[in-house]
Protein backbone atom coordinates (compact mmCIF):
# COMPACT_ATOMS: atom_id res chain seq x y z
CA MET A 1 3.18 11.24 -30.91
CA PRO A 2 3.08 9.24 -27.60
CA PRO A 3 4.55 11.11 -24.45
CA LYS A 4 7.94 10.39 -23.28
CA SER A 5 8.39 7.77 -20.65
CA LEU A 6 7.97 9.19 -17.14
CA VAL A 7 11.16 7.93 -15.10
CA GLN A 8 10.18 6.98 -11.55
CA TRP A 9 12.60 6.10 -8.69
CA ARG A 10 10.83 4.01 -6.05
CA PHE A 11 12.59 4.11 -2.69
CA LEU A 12 12.23 0.89 -0.82
CA ASP A 13 12.99 0.39 2.81
CA GLY A 14 12.32 -3.23 3.32
CA ARG A 15 9.12 -2.89 5.21
CA PRO A 16 6.23 -4.64 3.30
CA GLY A 17 3.55 -2.14 4.30
CA HIS A 18 5.60 0.69 3.10
CA GLU A 19 6.79 -0.93 -0.16
CA SER A 20 3.27 -1.86 -0.90
CA GLN A 21 2.22 1.79 -0.83
CA VAL A 22 5.25 2.97 -2.87
CA LEU A 23 4.60 0.33 -5.45
CA GLY A 24 0.94 0.73 -5.49
CA LEU A 25 1.17 4.37 -6.20
CA SER A 26 3.90 3.88 -8.84
CA GLU A 27 1.95 1.22 -10.82
CA ALA A 28 -1.26 3.40 -10.75
CA VAL A 29 0.91 6.21 -12.24
CA SER A 30 2.26 3.91 -14.92
CA SER A 31 -1.24 2.74 -15.73
CA LEU A 32 -1.98 6.49 -16.80
CA CYS A 33 1.37 7.27 -18.55
CA PRO A 34 4.27 5.35 -20.23
CA SER A 35 6.88 4.87 -17.44
CA GLU A 36 10.29 3.59 -16.76
CA CYS A 37 10.72 2.64 -13.04
CA VAL A 38 14.11 2.15 -10.99
CA ASP A 39 13.75 0.44 -7.70
CA VAL A 40 16.22 1.84 -5.13
CA PRO A 41 16.52 -0.04 -2.09
CA VAL A 42 17.61 2.21 0.75
CA SER A 43 20.42 0.38 2.80
CA SER A 44 21.22 1.01 6.34
CA THR A 45 24.20 3.20 5.26
CA GLU A 46 22.02 5.48 3.34
CA ARG A 47 19.32 6.28 6.01
CA GLY A 48 19.03 9.50 8.18
CA LEU A 49 22.07 11.97 7.88
CA ARG A 50 24.19 9.25 6.50
CA ALA A 51 22.45 9.96 3.18
CA PHE A 52 24.56 13.06 3.01
CA LEU A 53 27.91 11.49 3.33
CA PRO A 54 30.21 11.69 0.41
CA GLY A 55 29.94 8.87 -2.12
CA ARG A 56 26.38 7.73 -1.16
CA PHE A 57 24.04 7.01 -4.14
CA ARG A 58 27.07 7.15 -6.45
CA HIS A 59 25.87 3.82 -7.99
CA LEU A 60 22.74 5.58 -9.24
CA GLN A 61 24.69 7.73 -11.67
CA ARG A 62 24.27 5.14 -14.25
CA ALA A 63 20.42 5.02 -13.84
CA PRO A 64 17.91 6.96 -15.86
CA ARG A 65 17.55 10.58 -14.42
CA PRO A 66 14.50 10.61 -12.34
CA GLN A 67 11.37 12.78 -12.90
CA LEU A 68 9.38 11.38 -9.91
CA LEU A 69 10.94 10.04 -6.74
CA ILE A 70 8.48 8.17 -4.37
CA GLY A 71 9.17 7.15 -0.81
CA ALA A 72 7.17 5.85 2.26
CA GLY A 73 8.56 5.50 5.72
CA HIS A 74 11.08 7.64 7.71
CA ALA A 75 14.10 5.67 6.47
CA THR A 76 13.49 6.99 2.93
CA HIS A 77 12.88 10.59 3.61
CA LEU A 78 16.48 12.14 3.73
CA ALA A 79 17.39 9.60 0.98
CA LEU A 80 14.68 11.22 -1.17
CA VAL A 81 16.00 14.76 -0.37
CA ARG A 82 19.55 13.84 -1.05
CA CYS A 83 18.72 12.19 -4.48
CA ARG A 84 16.70 15.08 -5.60
CA GLN A 85 19.71 17.38 -4.75
CA LEU A 86 21.86 15.02 -6.74
CA PHE A 87 19.88 13.97 -9.75
CA GLY A 88 16.71 16.24 -9.83
CA GLY A 89 13.10 15.41 -10.09
CA ARG A 90 10.15 15.97 -8.02
CA THR A 91 9.59 14.09 -4.66
CA VAL A 92 6.47 12.40 -3.39
CA VAL A 93 6.27 11.02 0.14
CA LEU A 94 3.53 8.75 1.44
CA MET A 95 2.05 8.96 5.00
CA LYS A 96 3.02 11.75 7.49
CA PRO A 97 6.57 13.02 6.90
CA SER A 98 9.26 13.15 9.59
CA LEU A 99 10.41 16.36 8.16
CA PRO A 100 8.39 19.63 7.46
CA PRO A 101 6.20 19.00 4.38
CA CYS A 102 7.77 22.00 2.52
CA VAL A 103 10.90 19.80 2.09
CA PHE A 104 9.07 17.67 -0.36
CA ASP A 105 7.06 18.49 -3.53
CA LEU A 106 4.00 16.53 -2.44
CA CYS A 107 2.89 14.78 0.60
CA LEU A 108 0.05 12.16 0.62
CA VAL A 109 -0.88 12.05 4.16
CA PRO A 110 -3.77 9.87 5.64
CA ARG A 111 -6.64 11.92 6.78
CA HIS A 112 -6.55 10.63 10.31
CA ASP A 113 -3.00 11.90 10.75
CA ARG A 114 -2.85 15.31 12.43
CA VAL A 115 -0.69 17.96 10.42
CA LEU A 116 -0.01 21.04 12.46
CA MET A 117 -0.29 23.70 9.52
CA ALA A 118 -2.21 23.76 6.28
CA TRP A 119 0.45 23.18 3.59
CA ALA A 120 -0.50 23.59 -0.07
CA ASN A 121 1.58 20.62 -0.96
CA VAL A 122 -0.22 18.28 1.47
CA ALA A 123 -3.08 16.17 0.00
CA ARG A 124 -5.03 13.86 2.20
CA THR A 125 -5.63 10.04 1.46
CA ALA A 126 -8.29 7.72 2.68
CA GLY A 127 -6.66 4.68 4.29
CA ALA A 128 -3.41 3.21 2.93
CA ILE A 129 -2.55 3.09 -0.71
CA ASN A 130 -1.88 -0.43 -1.93
CA ARG A 131 -1.31 -2.65 -4.99
CA MET A 132 -4.64 -4.37 -5.01
CA ARG A 133 -6.77 -4.06 -8.10
CA PRO A 134 -10.51 -4.57 -8.26
CA ALA A 135 -11.65 -7.99 -9.49
CA ALA A 136 -13.77 -7.66 -12.82
CA ALA A 137 -16.00 -10.22 -11.36
CA LYS A 138 -15.72 -11.65 -7.85
CA PRO A 139 -15.53 -15.49 -7.60
CA ARG A 140 -18.22 -16.74 -5.44
CA GLY A 141 -17.98 -19.39 -2.60
CA HIS A 142 -14.77 -18.13 -0.61
CA GLY A 143 -14.54 -16.30 2.59
CA LEU A 144 -11.45 -15.08 4.11
CA VAL A 145 -10.52 -13.92 7.87
CA LEU A 146 -7.37 -11.82 8.09
CA LEU A 147 -5.89 -11.60 11.65
CA GLY A 148 -3.50 -8.80 12.76
CA GLY A 149 -2.02 -8.45 16.16
CA PRO A 150 -1.42 -6.17 19.05
CA SER A 151 -0.76 -2.58 18.06
CA ARG A 152 -0.54 1.02 19.72
CA HIS A 153 -4.02 1.60 18.33
CA CYS A 154 -5.88 -1.40 19.67
CA HIS A 155 -6.02 -3.78 22.65
CA TRP A 156 -5.83 -7.10 21.43
CA SER A 157 -8.46 -9.76 22.77
CA ASP A 158 -8.20 -13.38 21.92
CA ASP A 159 -11.85 -13.89 22.98
CA ARG A 160 -13.18 -11.07 20.58
CA VAL A 161 -11.13 -12.55 17.69
CA ARG A 162 -12.42 -16.08 18.35
CA GLU A 163 -16.05 -14.88 18.63
CA GLY A 164 -15.52 -12.99 15.29
CA ILE A 165 -14.39 -16.07 13.42
CA VAL A 166 -17.05 -18.23 14.92
CA ARG A 167 -19.78 -15.59 13.91
CA ALA A 168 -18.55 -15.25 10.49
CA VAL A 169 -18.16 -18.87 9.79
CA GLY A 170 -21.47 -19.67 11.39
CA GLU A 171 -23.45 -17.15 9.45
CA SER A 172 -22.48 -18.75 6.19
CA ALA A 173 -21.25 -22.25 7.00
CA THR A 174 -22.82 -23.80 3.93
CA ALA A 175 -22.33 -21.02 1.59
CA LEU A 176 -18.59 -20.23 1.81
CA GLN A 177 -15.40 -22.08 2.14
CA TRP A 178 -13.39 -20.10 4.71
CA THR A 179 -9.65 -19.56 5.17
CA VAL A 180 -7.99 -17.95 8.07
CA VAL A 181 -4.77 -16.05 7.64
CA THR A 182 -2.53 -14.83 10.39
CA SER A 183 0.13 -12.21 10.41
CA ARG A 184 3.56 -12.14 11.94
CA ARG A 185 1.82 -9.93 14.74
CA THR A 186 -0.83 -12.59 15.58
CA PRO A 187 -0.35 -14.18 18.95
CA ALA A 188 -0.19 -17.78 19.20
CA SER A 189 -2.60 -17.68 22.24
CA VAL A 190 -5.46 -17.12 20.03
CA PHE A 191 -5.30 -20.83 18.76
CA LEU A 192 -4.05 -22.38 22.07
CA ASP A 193 -6.61 -24.27 24.23
CA TRP A 194 -9.39 -23.32 21.67
CA GLU A 195 -11.34 -26.48 22.13
CA GLU A 196 -14.43 -25.37 20.08
CA ARG A 197 -12.43 -24.14 17.00
CA PRO A 198 -14.71 -24.21 13.79
CA ALA A 199 -14.34 -27.26 11.71
CA GLY A 200 -13.65 -27.23 7.87
CA ILE A 201 -11.55 -24.08 7.85
CA ASN A 202 -8.21 -23.77 6.03
CA TRP A 203 -5.82 -22.28 8.48
CA GLN A 204 -2.77 -20.45 7.09
CA THR A 205 0.04 -18.40 8.61
CA THR A 206 1.73 -15.60 7.16
CA GLY A 207 5.01 -17.16 7.39
CA LYS A 208 3.99 -19.87 5.06
CA LEU A 209 2.50 -17.56 2.31
CA SER A 210 4.06 -14.91 0.17
CA ALA A 211 2.51 -11.37 -0.01
CA ALA A 212 1.47 -12.45 -3.47
CA GLU A 213 -0.42 -15.47 -2.40
CA VAL A 214 -2.22 -13.55 0.38
CA ALA A 215 -3.15 -10.98 -2.27
CA ALA A 216 -4.62 -13.82 -4.43
CA LEU A 217 -6.57 -15.01 -1.48
CA ILE A 218 -8.17 -11.41 -1.03
CA ARG A 219 -9.03 -11.15 -4.69
CA ALA A 220 -10.73 -14.54 -4.71
CA ALA A 221 -12.75 -13.82 -1.62
CA GLU A 222 -16.47 -12.86 -1.79
CA ARG A 223 -16.37 -11.84 1.89
CA VAL A 224 -13.64 -10.63 3.94
CA VAL A 225 -13.54 -10.46 7.73
CA VAL A 226 -10.62 -8.34 9.14
CA THR A 227 -9.47 -7.48 12.73
CA SER A 228 -9.53 -3.60 13.14
CA ASP A 229 -5.93 -3.11 14.03
CA SER A 230 -4.55 -3.24 10.56
CA MET A 231 -5.37 -0.35 8.12
CA SER A 232 -3.40 -1.86 5.40
CA MET A 233 -5.37 -5.24 5.32
CA ILE A 234 -8.67 -3.47 5.52
CA CYS A 235 -7.89 -1.20 2.54
CA GLU A 236 -6.64 -4.12 0.49
CA ALA A 237 -9.89 -6.00 1.12
CA LEU A 238 -12.02 -2.91 0.25
CA THR A 239 -10.09 -2.34 -2.90
CA SER A 240 -10.53 -5.76 -4.14
CA GLY A 241 -14.32 -5.27 -4.13
CA ALA A 242 -15.18 -7.83 -1.37
CA ALA A 243 -17.95 -7.38 1.22
CA VAL A 244 -15.82 -6.34 4.21
CA GLU A 245 -16.54 -6.60 7.93
CA LEU A 246 -14.60 -5.87 11.02
CA ILE A 247 -13.76 -7.86 14.19
CA GLU A 248 -13.65 -4.79 16.38
CA LEU A 249 -11.07 -4.62 18.92
CA PRO A 250 -11.06 -2.04 21.89
CA ALA A 251 -9.54 1.04 20.88
CA SER A 252 -6.49 2.63 22.73
CA GLY A 253 -8.09 5.79 24.05
CA GLN A 254 -9.41 8.24 21.48
CA SER A 255 -7.80 6.57 18.45
CA ARG A 256 -8.26 8.49 15.19
CA LEU A 257 -7.33 5.36 13.42
CA SER A 258 -10.10 3.35 14.86
CA VAL A 259 -12.60 6.09 13.75
CA GLU A 260 -11.14 6.06 10.30
CA VAL A 261 -11.28 2.31 10.05
CA ARG A 262 -14.97 2.14 10.96
CA SER A 263 -15.83 5.07 8.45
CA LEU A 264 -13.87 3.26 5.60
CA VAL A 265 -15.96 0.01 6.09
CA GLU A 266 -19.23 1.76 6.50
CA HIS A 267 -18.95 4.50 3.76
CA GLY A 268 -16.17 3.54 1.43
CA PHE A 269 -12.99 5.68 0.82
CA TRP A 270 -14.68 9.05 -0.04
CA PRO A 271 -18.41 9.82 -0.08
CA ASP A 272 -18.43 11.14 -3.63
CA VAL A 273 -16.06 8.59 -5.23
CA PRO A 274 -17.44 5.13 -6.17
CA ARG A 275 -16.07 2.45 -3.82
CA PHE A 276 -14.49 0.29 -6.66
CA ILE A 277 -12.07 3.09 -7.69
CA PRO A 278 -8.81 2.32 -5.94
CA GLU A 279 -7.37 5.04 -3.73
CA ALA A 280 -3.99 4.46 -5.56
CA ASP A 281 -5.61 5.54 -8.81
CA ARG A 282 -7.08 8.66 -7.27
CA CYS A 283 -3.76 9.59 -5.99
CA ALA A 284 -1.89 8.80 -9.05
CA SER A 285 -4.13 11.09 -11.06
CA LEU A 286 -3.50 13.82 -8.49
CA VAL A 287 0.37 13.41 -8.76
CA LEU A 288 0.13 13.83 -12.37
CA ARG A 289 -2.13 16.77 -12.30
CA ARG A 290 -0.05 18.73 -9.81
CA LEU A 291 3.52 17.75 -10.78
CA PHE A 292 3.46 16.67 -14.38
CA PRO A 293 0.48 18.15 -16.18
CA GLU A 294 2.16 17.46 -19.47
CA TYR A 295 1.08 13.82 -19.03
CA VAL A 296 -2.60 14.77 -18.43
CA GLY A 297 -5.10 14.81 -21.12
CA GLY A 298 -3.22 12.49 -23.56
CA GLY A 299 -3.69 8.69 -24.17
CA GLY A 300 -2.84 7.84 -20.61
CA GLU A 301 -6.05 8.17 -18.91
CA LEU A 302 -8.10 6.85 -21.87
CA ALA A 303 -5.80 3.71 -21.98
CA ALA A 304 -6.18 3.14 -18.25
CA SER A 305 -9.89 3.75 -18.27
CA HIS A 306 -10.24 0.93 -20.81
CA GLY A 307 -8.34 -1.49 -18.71
CA GLY A 308 -5.25 -1.38 -20.87
CA GLY A 309 -2.60 1.03 -19.58
CA TRP A 310 0.80 1.48 -20.61
CA GLY A 311 3.85 -0.77 -20.74
CA LEU A 312 6.18 -0.53 -17.49
CA SER A 313 9.75 -0.97 -17.79
CA THR A 314 11.44 -1.70 -14.42
CA VAL A 315 15.05 -1.79 -13.38
CA THR A 316 16.36 -2.87 -9.97
CA LEU A 317 19.71 -1.38 -8.87
CA ALA A 318 21.95 -2.83 -6.26
CA THR A 319 22.86 -0.42 -3.45
CA SER A 320 26.57 -1.07 -3.94
CA GLY A 321 28.92 0.41 -6.50
CA ALA A 322 29.32 -2.97 -8.17
CA SER A 323 27.81 -3.84 -11.42
CA ALA A 324 24.07 -3.59 -11.27
CA ASN A 325 21.91 -6.44 -11.83
CA MET A 326 19.08 -5.07 -14.08
CA GLN A 327 15.87 -6.83 -14.71
CA GLN A 328 13.25 -5.74 -17.31
CA ALA A 329 9.70 -6.58 -16.80
CA PHE A 330 6.30 -5.73 -18.47
CA VAL A 331 3.25 -5.05 -16.60
CA PRO A 332 0.09 -5.33 -18.77
């Protein structure tokens, strides 16, 4: 008899990087066991201590009762705690929590983040969990440059970025067709007054491309060159199976993130784990083993390991008390 569906509530704060981590972990869990997912957008009236005001989350009473509640980003933390009090379930928070780790059932914290004490419910992750899946066979002939922007971890340098683009394109000018994709953080100054900009490059801006279109470019790229300021872009490129290189930007002091980024590109996610295994899959297996052992050892892992996986039913709930707009989706 197949196991009962695991009901997941996915708390979304509207930030693409955070939501990519939540959905990446959830989808990986769903590949290991049958799942029913409820997307819970956390509105501004449900964040922080406002999550405990009377009537908050009343609209979720009609949703399936959660077993697993997943959130990333400080805006979701107290919402997770409150919904566990109201509806039950086990909480998993991604990235370093703003509250003591003991408040949650499991914390998946990047290994470059400092945690003051040793907590039994804290597990370390390599890089940023994401939704990218490794390509069965990488298409050949495409190169991709992903540009981030100024951050607290790196000093941005237009000159270094230009040099990195010229070097990457020059090394394989005849072998690869190159696309350069900017992000919302990329300064316009990178392209201003650049008289010797390489020819034959497809220049794209994130504002013109959806997240799905950027992901499709990463999956199609044989080689990806990324600025060192963005952990999420680097991890997506590594997970895709592409050959990844860095445009290294000067680190802001002794940046632990910069050290972690260099280690990921040189050695992969973990020394004893094959590079092609996504970090989301490793963490999903950890979540099930620690919190839901009844789903381990059945058909879920076998189905996922053969590229099949389980059906995923998704419900999106509005944040108001009005009638919900529910949408069923199937993920192969």
